[in-house]
Amino acid sequence: MGANIERKYLMKKLFTKQLSLISFLFIPIIFFWHPNWLGFLGVQPYWPLFWLLPWSMINGSINGLVFGLFLGLILDSLTLDNNFSQIPGLIFCGFLFGRIKLHSDILVGHFRYGLICSFGSFLCGTLYLSQILFRNFSESNSLMLISGVKNILAEVFLTGLFAPFICSQLLRMFKFSRRKLW
């Protein structure tokens, strides 16, 4: 009976220690699930930033850079028909997010998550759009630029709107998984 209780405790400890990495696996699922009811003008929030911000804030800029690279590689490999990459924006955001320190004021922290994720979404969207415009430079289609800017602004708005709710919960979960249970 004592071994069974100890086994359950070890499984619980292993699960809580790996909670952040388990949640990492949900990013591609949500990215492709693409729930329409969370969209605005046919655009979704930029889901990877919700996970990358709290992870980088807790683990630092080098880990943020590395996991930004991993996120970009995973998302780019899942969209093989696309010639454009999300890697530069996610690497840059991961590094920048790691430079941000945790704040003690909870209310300011919640609004700060929205502003930071909005900025990151703007940065990633702009880098992605610049790749598209550079690749299609000869066509010089202004309609592509207008729709790209509309998509970026809608994505920035949604990411900033949902970030305070999602990032604060993930930050709490990541802090809990880092605590020692012994």
C-alpha atoms as a PDB file:
ATOM      1  CA  MET A   1       0.000   0.000   0.000  1.00  0.00           C
ATOM      2  CA  GLY A   2       2.866   2.410   0.807  1.00  0.00           C
ATOM      3  CA  ALA A   3       4.548   1.700  -2.539  1.00  0.00           C
ATOM      4  CA  ASN A   4       1.312   2.523  -4.371  1.00  0.00           C
ATOM      5  CA  ILE A   5       1.016   5.895  -2.618  1.00  0.00           C
ATOM      6  CA  GLU A   6       4.672   6.633  -3.341  1.00  0.00           C
ATOM      7  CA  ARG A   7       4.185   5.724  -7.011  1.00  0.00           C
ATOM      8  CA  LYS A   8       1.197   8.088  -7.256  1.00  0.00           C
ATOM      9  CA  TYR A   9       3.221  10.857  -5.625  1.00  0.00           C
ATOM     10  CA  LEU A  10       6.118  10.340  -8.044  1.00  0.00           C
ATOM     11  CA  MET A  11       3.742  10.405 -11.041  1.00  0.00           C
ATOM     12  CA  LYS A  12       2.179  13.622  -9.746  1.00  0.00           C
ATOM     13  CA  LYS A  13       5.623  15.141  -9.279  1.00  0.00           C
ATOM     14  CA  LEU A  14       6.717  14.087 -12.760  1.00  0.00           C
ATOM     15  CA  PHE A  15       3.517  15.504 -14.286  1.00  0.00           C
ATOM     16  CA  THR A  16       3.828  18.855 -12.529  1.00  0.00           C
ATOM     17  CA  LYS A  17       7.524  19.148 -13.393  1.00  0.00           C
ATOM     18  CA  GLN A  18       6.766  18.549 -17.084  1.00  0.00           C
ATOM     19  CA  LEU A  19       3.602  20.671 -17.191  1.00  0.00           C
ATOM     20  CA  SER A  20       5.216  23.465 -19.185  1.00  0.00           C
ATOM     21  CA  LEU A  21       6.543  21.076 -21.816  1.00  0.00           C
ATOM     22  CA  ILE A  22       3.204  19.264 -22.016  1.00  0.00           C
ATOM     23  CA  SER A  23       1.474  22.594 -22.609  1.00  0.00           C
ATOM     24  CA  PHE A  24       4.051  23.279 -25.355  1.00  0.00           C
ATOM     25  CA  LEU A  25       2.535  20.416 -27.342  1.00  0.00           C
ATOM     26  CA  PHE A  26      -0.854  22.138 -27.438  1.00  0.00           C
ATOM     27  CA  ILE A  27       0.441  25.085 -29.482  1.00  0.00           C
ATOM     28  CA  PRO A  28       0.406  23.289 -32.868  1.00  0.00           C
ATOM     29  CA  ILE A  29      -2.987  21.775 -32.020  1.00  0.00           C
ATOM     30  CA  ILE A  30      -4.556  25.168 -31.292  1.00  0.00           C
ATOM     31  CA  PHE A  31      -2.719  26.697 -34.244  1.00  0.00           C
ATOM     32  CA  PHE A  32      -4.394  24.241 -36.628  1.00  0.00           C
ATOM     33  CA  TRP A  33      -7.672  23.935 -34.795  1.00  0.00           C
ATOM     34  CA  HIS A  34      -8.220  27.574 -35.687  1.00  0.00           C
ATOM     35  CA  PRO A  35     -11.455  28.129 -33.735  1.00  0.00           C
ATOM     36  CA  ASN A  36     -13.566  30.547 -35.792  1.00  0.00           C
ATOM     37  CA  TRP A  37     -15.485  31.843 -32.791  1.00  0.00           C
ATOM     38  CA  LEU A  38     -12.254  33.345 -31.407  1.00  0.00           C
ATOM     39  CA  GLY A  39     -11.430  35.133 -34.643  1.00  0.00           C
ATOM     40  CA  PHE A  40     -11.982  38.656 -35.861  1.00  0.00           C
ATOM     41  CA  LEU A  41     -12.168  39.511 -39.573  1.00  0.00           C
ATOM     42  CA  GLY A  42     -11.149  35.936 -40.337  1.00  0.00           C
ATOM     43  CA  VAL A  43      -7.924  36.264 -38.323  1.00  0.00           C
ATOM     44  CA  GLN A  44      -6.889  34.407 -35.164  1.00  0.00           C
ATOM     45  CA  PRO A  45      -4.662  35.594 -32.313  1.00  0.00           C
ATOM     46  CA  TYR A  46      -1.031  34.616 -32.649  1.00  0.00           C
ATOM     47  CA  TRP A  47      -1.170  31.564 -30.388  1.00  0.00           C
ATOM     48  CA  PRO A  48       2.569  30.807 -29.957  1.00  0.00           C
ATOM     49  CA  LEU A  49       3.177  34.103 -28.144  1.00  0.00           C
ATOM     50  CA  PHE A  50       0.788  33.168 -25.337  1.00  0.00           C
ATOM     51  CA  TRP A  51       3.099  30.299 -24.373  1.00  0.00           C
ATOM     52  CA  LEU A  52       6.390  31.963 -25.294  1.00  0.00           C
ATOM     53  CA  LEU A  53       5.908  35.080 -23.128  1.00  0.00           C
ATOM     54  CA  PRO A  54       5.552  33.397 -19.712  1.00  0.00           C
ATOM     55  CA  TRP A  55       8.117  30.717 -20.576  1.00  0.00           C
ATOM     56  CA  SER A  56      10.710  33.312 -21.567  1.00  0.00           C
ATOM     57  CA  MET A  57       9.959  35.574 -18.603  1.00  0.00           C
ATOM     58  CA  ILE A  58      10.630  32.718 -16.193  1.00  0.00           C
ATOM     59  CA  ASN A  59      13.504  30.948 -17.976  1.00  0.00           C
ATOM     60  CA  GLY A  60      15.394  33.871 -19.531  1.00  0.00           C
ATOM     61  CA  SER A  61      16.245  35.177 -22.961  1.00  0.00           C
ATOM     62  CA  ILE A  62      18.469  32.299 -24.126  1.00  0.00           C
ATOM     63  CA  ASN A  63      15.773  29.718 -23.356  1.00  0.00           C
ATOM     64  CA  GLY A  64      13.219  32.025 -24.964  1.00  0.00           C
ATOM     65  CA  LEU A  65      15.363  32.234 -28.078  1.00  0.00           C
ATOM     66  CA  VAL A  66      15.777  28.437 -28.217  1.00  0.00           C
ATOM     67  CA  PHE A  67      12.087  27.700 -27.692  1.00  0.00           C
ATOM     68  CA  GLY A  68      11.172  30.445 -30.175  1.00  0.00           C
ATOM     69  CA  LEU A  69      13.320  28.557 -32.677  1.00  0.00           C
ATOM     70  CA  PHE A  70      11.620  25.249 -31.766  1.00  0.00           C
ATOM     71  CA  LEU A  71       8.165  26.804 -32.069  1.00  0.00           C
ATOM     72  CA  GLY A  72       9.058  28.279 -35.436  1.00  0.00           C
ATOM     73  CA  LEU A  73      10.484  24.988 -36.687  1.00  0.00           C
ATOM     74  CA  ILE A  74       7.407  23.061 -35.587  1.00  0.00           C
ATOM     75  CA  LEU A  75       4.936  25.531 -37.059  1.00  0.00           C
ATOM     76  CA  ASP A  76       6.905  25.889 -40.291  1.00  0.00           C
ATOM     77  CA  SER A  77       7.232  22.135 -40.689  1.00  0.00           C
ATOM     78  CA  LEU A  78       3.500  21.687 -40.259  1.00  0.00           C
ATOM     79  CA  THR A  79       2.812  24.147 -43.084  1.00  0.00           C
ATOM     80  CA  LEU A  80       5.105  22.653 -45.732  1.00  0.00           C
ATOM     81  CA  ASP A  81       3.355  24.300 -48.679  1.00  0.00           C
ATOM     82  CA  ASN A  82       4.366  27.731 -47.420  1.00  0.00           C
ATOM     83  CA  ASN A  83       7.644  29.358 -48.490  1.00  0.00           C
ATOM     84  CA  PHE A  84       7.659  31.857 -45.656  1.00  0.00           C
ATOM     85  CA  SER A  85       8.938  31.318 -42.133  1.00  0.00           C
ATOM     86  CA  GLN A  86       7.715  32.231 -38.672  1.00  0.00           C
ATOM     87  CA  ILE A  87      11.129  31.490 -37.185  1.00  0.00           C
ATOM     88  CA  PRO A  88      12.661  35.019 -37.273  1.00  0.00           C
ATOM     89  CA  GLY A  89       9.757  36.632 -35.435  1.00  0.00           C
ATOM     90  CA  LEU A  90       9.486  33.908 -32.796  1.00  0.00           C
ATOM     91  CA  ILE A  91      13.238  33.892 -32.133  1.00  0.00           C
ATOM     92  CA  PHE A  92      13.303  37.659 -31.745  1.00  0.00           C
ATOM     93  CA  CYS A  93      10.208  37.660 -29.510  1.00  0.00           C
ATOM     94  CA  GLY A  94      11.569  34.812 -27.380  1.00  0.00           C
ATOM     95  CA  PHE A  95      14.780  36.736 -26.802  1.00  0.00           C
ATOM     96  CA  LEU A  96      12.998  40.021 -26.053  1.00  0.00           C
ATOM     97  CA  PHE A  97      10.438  38.381 -23.762  1.00  0.00           C
ATOM     98  CA  GLY A  98      13.270  36.817 -21.766  1.00  0.00           C
ATOM     99  CA  ARG A  99      14.636  40.265 -21.005  1.00  0.00           C
ATOM    100  CA  ILE A 100      11.390  41.268 -19.273  1.00  0.00           C
ATOM    101  CA  LYS A 101      11.322  40.841 -15.526  1.00  0.00           C
ATOM    102  CA  LEU A 102       8.345  39.607 -13.534  1.00  0.00           C
ATOM    103  CA  HIS A 103       6.338  42.401 -11.951  1.00  0.00           C
ATOM    104  CA  SER A 104       4.885  42.247  -8.440  1.00  0.00           C
ATOM    105  CA  ASP A 105       1.712  44.237  -9.156  1.00  0.00           C
ATOM    106  CA  ILE A 106      -0.844  41.751 -10.489  1.00  0.00           C
ATOM    107  CA  LEU A 107      -3.134  44.259 -12.202  1.00  0.00           C
ATOM    108  CA  VAL A 108      -0.289  45.995 -14.029  1.00  0.00           C
ATOM    109  CA  GLY A 109       1.104  42.583 -14.936  1.00  0.00           C
ATOM    110  CA  HIS A 110      -2.132  41.510 -16.613  1.00  0.00           C
ATOM    111  CA  PHE A 111      -2.304  44.610 -18.807  1.00  0.00           C
ATOM    112  CA  ARG A 112       1.401  44.365 -19.470  1.00  0.00           C
ATOM    113  CA  TYR A 113       0.966  40.850 -20.892  1.00  0.00           C
ATOM    114  CA  GLY A 114      -1.533  42.228 -23.388  1.00  0.00           C
ATOM    115  CA  LEU A 115       0.744  45.058 -24.470  1.00  0.00           C
ATOM    116  CA  ILE A 116       3.810  42.865 -24.744  1.00  0.00           C
ATOM    117  CA  CYS A 117       2.001  40.168 -26.716  1.00  0.00           C
ATOM    118  CA  SER A 118       0.480  42.839 -28.968  1.00  0.00           C
ATOM    119  CA  PHE A 119       3.935  44.186 -29.682  1.00  0.00           C
ATOM    120  CA  GLY A 120       5.246  40.666 -30.310  1.00  0.00           C
ATOM    121  CA  SER A 121       2.346  39.896 -32.619  1.00  0.00           C
ATOM    122  CA  PHE A 122       2.982  43.118 -34.525  1.00  0.00           C
ATOM    123  CA  LEU A 123       6.666  42.246 -34.807  1.00  0.00           C
ATOM    124  CA  CYS A 124       6.032  38.674 -35.991  1.00  0.00           C
ATOM    125  CA  GLY A 125       3.314  39.743 -38.392  1.00  0.00           C
ATOM    126  CA  THR A 126       5.457  42.516 -39.863  1.00  0.00           C
ATOM    127  CA  LEU A 127       8.412  40.174 -40.368  1.00  0.00           C
ATOM    128  CA  TYR A 128       6.137  37.612 -42.021  1.00  0.00           C
ATOM    129  CA  LEU A 129       4.496  40.224 -44.288  1.00  0.00           C
ATOM    130  CA  SER A 130       7.898  41.632 -45.242  1.00  0.00           C
ATOM    131  CA  GLN A 131       8.945  38.141 -46.400  1.00  0.00           C
ATOM    132  CA  ILE A 132       5.820  37.938 -48.560  1.00  0.00           C
ATOM    133  CA  LEU A 133       6.326  41.411 -50.013  1.00  0.00           C
ATOM    134  CA  PHE A 134      10.017  40.794 -50.668  1.00  0.00           C
ATOM    135  CA  ARG A 135       9.257  37.519 -52.438  1.00  0.00           C
ATOM    136  CA  ASN A 136       6.517  39.123 -54.546  1.00  0.00           C
ATOM    137  CA  PHE A 137       8.306  42.435 -55.082  1.00  0.00           C
ATOM    138  CA  SER A 138       8.103  42.306 -58.860  1.00  0.00           C
ATOM    139  CA  GLU A 139       4.317  42.111 -58.778  1.00  0.00           C
ATOM    140  CA  SER A 140       4.080  45.261 -56.638  1.00  0.00           C
ATOM    141  CA  ASN A 141       0.500  44.573 -55.663  1.00  0.00           C
ATOM    142  CA  SER A 142      -0.789  47.218 -53.257  1.00  0.00           C
ATOM    143  CA  LEU A 143      -3.866  45.117 -52.529  1.00  0.00           C
ATOM    144  CA  MET A 144      -1.606  42.510 -50.930  1.00  0.00           C
ATOM    145  CA  LEU A 145      -0.107  45.179 -48.686  1.00  0.00           C
ATOM    146  CA  ILE A 146      -3.518  46.498 -47.590  1.00  0.00           C
ATOM    147  CA  SER A 147      -4.893  43.046 -46.734  1.00  0.00           C
ATOM    148  CA  GLY A 148      -1.632  42.147 -44.984  1.00  0.00           C
ATOM    149  CA  VAL A 149      -1.799  45.244 -42.796  1.00  0.00           C
ATOM    150  CA  LYS A 150      -5.477  44.514 -42.011  1.00  0.00           C
ATOM    151  CA  ASN A 151      -4.542  40.971 -40.951  1.00  0.00           C
ATOM    152  CA  ILE A 152      -1.672  42.190 -38.790  1.00  0.00           C
ATOM    153  CA  LEU A 153      -3.840  44.759 -37.019  1.00  0.00           C
ATOM    154  CA  ALA A 154      -6.625  42.230 -36.377  1.00  0.00           C
ATOM    155  CA  GLU A 155      -4.069  39.715 -35.061  1.00  0.00           C
ATOM    156  CA  VAL A 156      -2.474  42.357 -32.819  1.00  0.00           C
ATOM    157  CA  PHE A 157      -5.877  43.286 -31.409  1.00  0.00           C
ATOM    158  CA  LEU A 158      -6.898  39.686 -30.657  1.00  0.00           C
ATOM    159  CA  THR A 159      -3.523  38.737 -29.236  1.00  0.00           C
ATOM    160  CA  GLY A 160      -3.554  41.749 -26.926  1.00  0.00           C
ATOM    161  CA  LEU A 161      -7.135  41.008 -25.902  1.00  0.00           C
ATOM    162  CA  PHE A 162      -6.587  37.365 -24.920  1.00  0.00           C
ATOM    163  CA  ALA A 163      -3.018  37.630 -23.587  1.00  0.00           C
ATOM    164  CA  PRO A 164      -3.866  38.886 -20.072  1.00  0.00           C
ATOM    165  CA  PHE A 165      -6.113  35.889 -19.449  1.00  0.00           C
ATOM    166  CA  ILE A 166      -4.003  33.157 -21.027  1.00  0.00           C
ATOM    167  CA  CYS A 167      -0.510  34.389 -20.112  1.00  0.00           C
ATOM    168  CA  SER A 168      -1.337  34.957 -16.449  1.00  0.00           C
ATOM    169  CA  GLN A 169      -2.679  31.405 -16.125  1.00  0.00           C
ATOM    170  CA  LEU A 170       0.311  29.915 -17.929  1.00  0.00           C
ATOM    171  CA  LEU A 171       2.713  31.984 -15.836  1.00  0.00           C
ATOM    172  CA  ARG A 172       1.076  30.697 -12.668  1.00  0.00           C
ATOM    173  CA  MET A 173       1.253  27.127 -14.006  1.00  0.00           C
ATOM    174  CA  PHE A 174       4.928  27.459 -14.991  1.00  0.00           C
ATOM    175  CA  LYS A 175       5.842  28.897 -11.588  1.00  0.00           C
ATOM    176  CA  PHE A 176       4.002  26.037  -9.880  1.00  0.00           C
ATOM    177  CA  SER A 177       5.832  23.440 -11.967  1.00  0.00           C
ATOM    178  CA  ARG A 178       9.219  24.962 -11.079  1.00  0.00           C
ATOM    179  CA  ARG A 179       8.651  24.656  -7.322  1.00  0.00           C
ATOM    180  CA  LYS A 180      10.263  21.771  -5.538  1.00  0.00           C
ATOM    181  CA  LEU A 181       7.774  19.241  -4.284  1.00  0.00           C
ATOM    182  CA  TRP A 182      10.127  17.475  -1.886  1.00  0.00           C
END
